[in-house]
Amino acid sequence: MLRAFKFVIPIMLLVGGFGWMKLTKDFQEVPELSRLFIIIGAMIVSGIISYFLFPKNEDER
């Protein structure tokens, strides 16, 4: 559970923030609700990838 707060949540927030900035700046013709769904999907995918990417026990190293 600690791994989720240490790696996964911050990565998801970073992806959401950068995604929102990029979509708002460069793709204004996309409806706001669609942009929100795209960003939520990107946050979920990045969270799943980062959960499996980072090691479970760092203390064993």
Protein backbone atom coordinates (compact mmCIF):
# COMPACT_ATOMS: atom_id res chain seq x y z
CA MET A 1 0.00 0.00 0.00
CA LEU A 2 2.88 2.34 0.72
CA ARG A 3 4.10 1.86 -2.83
CA ALA A 4 0.85 3.31 -4.13
CA PHE A 5 1.33 6.53 -2.20
CA LYS A 6 5.03 6.71 -2.94
CA PHE A 7 5.05 6.16 -6.71
CA VAL A 8 1.70 5.49 -8.34
CA ILE A 9 -0.38 8.42 -7.08
CA PRO A 10 2.25 11.12 -7.85
CA ILE A 11 2.82 9.70 -11.34
CA MET A 12 -0.91 9.68 -12.00
CA LEU A 13 -1.21 13.29 -10.85
CA LEU A 14 1.73 14.37 -13.02
CA VAL A 15 0.24 12.67 -16.07
CA GLY A 16 -3.12 14.29 -15.37
CA GLY A 17 -1.61 17.74 -14.94
CA PHE A 18 0.56 17.62 -18.04
CA GLY A 19 -2.26 16.06 -20.05
CA TRP A 20 -4.68 18.77 -19.03
CA MET A 21 -2.18 21.51 -19.92
CA LYS A 22 -1.39 19.97 -23.31
CA LEU A 23 -5.00 19.27 -24.27
CA THR A 24 -6.17 22.70 -23.15
CA LYS A 25 -3.39 24.50 -24.99
CA ASP A 26 -3.19 22.58 -28.27
CA PHE A 27 -6.59 20.89 -28.69
CA GLN A 28 -9.20 23.48 -27.79
CA GLU A 29 -11.63 22.17 -30.41
CA VAL A 30 -12.05 18.92 -28.43
CA PRO A 31 -15.03 19.17 -26.07
CA GLU A 32 -14.12 19.60 -22.42
CA LEU A 33 -15.90 16.42 -21.33
CA SER A 34 -13.97 14.39 -23.90
CA ARG A 35 -10.71 15.94 -22.70
CA LEU A 36 -11.62 14.94 -19.16
CA PHE A 37 -12.26 11.32 -20.22
CA ILE A 38 -8.97 11.21 -22.15
CA ILE A 39 -7.05 12.48 -19.13
CA ILE A 40 -8.75 10.07 -16.72
CA GLY A 41 -7.91 7.18 -19.05
CA ALA A 42 -4.30 8.30 -19.29
CA MET A 43 -4.05 8.57 -15.52
CA ILE A 44 -5.42 5.06 -15.02
CA VAL A 45 -3.10 3.53 -17.63
CA SER A 46 -0.06 5.32 -16.22
CA GLY A 47 -0.99 4.20 -12.71
CA ILE A 48 -1.26 0.56 -13.77
CA ILE A 49 2.04 0.69 -15.64
CA SER A 50 3.88 2.38 -12.77
CA TYR A 51 2.41 -0.06 -10.23
CA PHE A 52 3.99 -3.01 -12.04
CA LEU A 53 7.13 -1.15 -13.12
CA PHE A 54 8.49 -0.16 -9.72
CA PRO A 55 9.81 -2.83 -7.32
CA LYS A 56 7.62 -4.08 -4.51
CA ASN A 57 10.28 -4.18 -1.80
CA GLU A 58 13.03 -1.62 -2.04
CA ASP A 59 14.55 -2.63 1.29
CA GLU A 60 15.78 -5.98 -0.05
CA ARG A 61 18.26 -4.29 -2.38
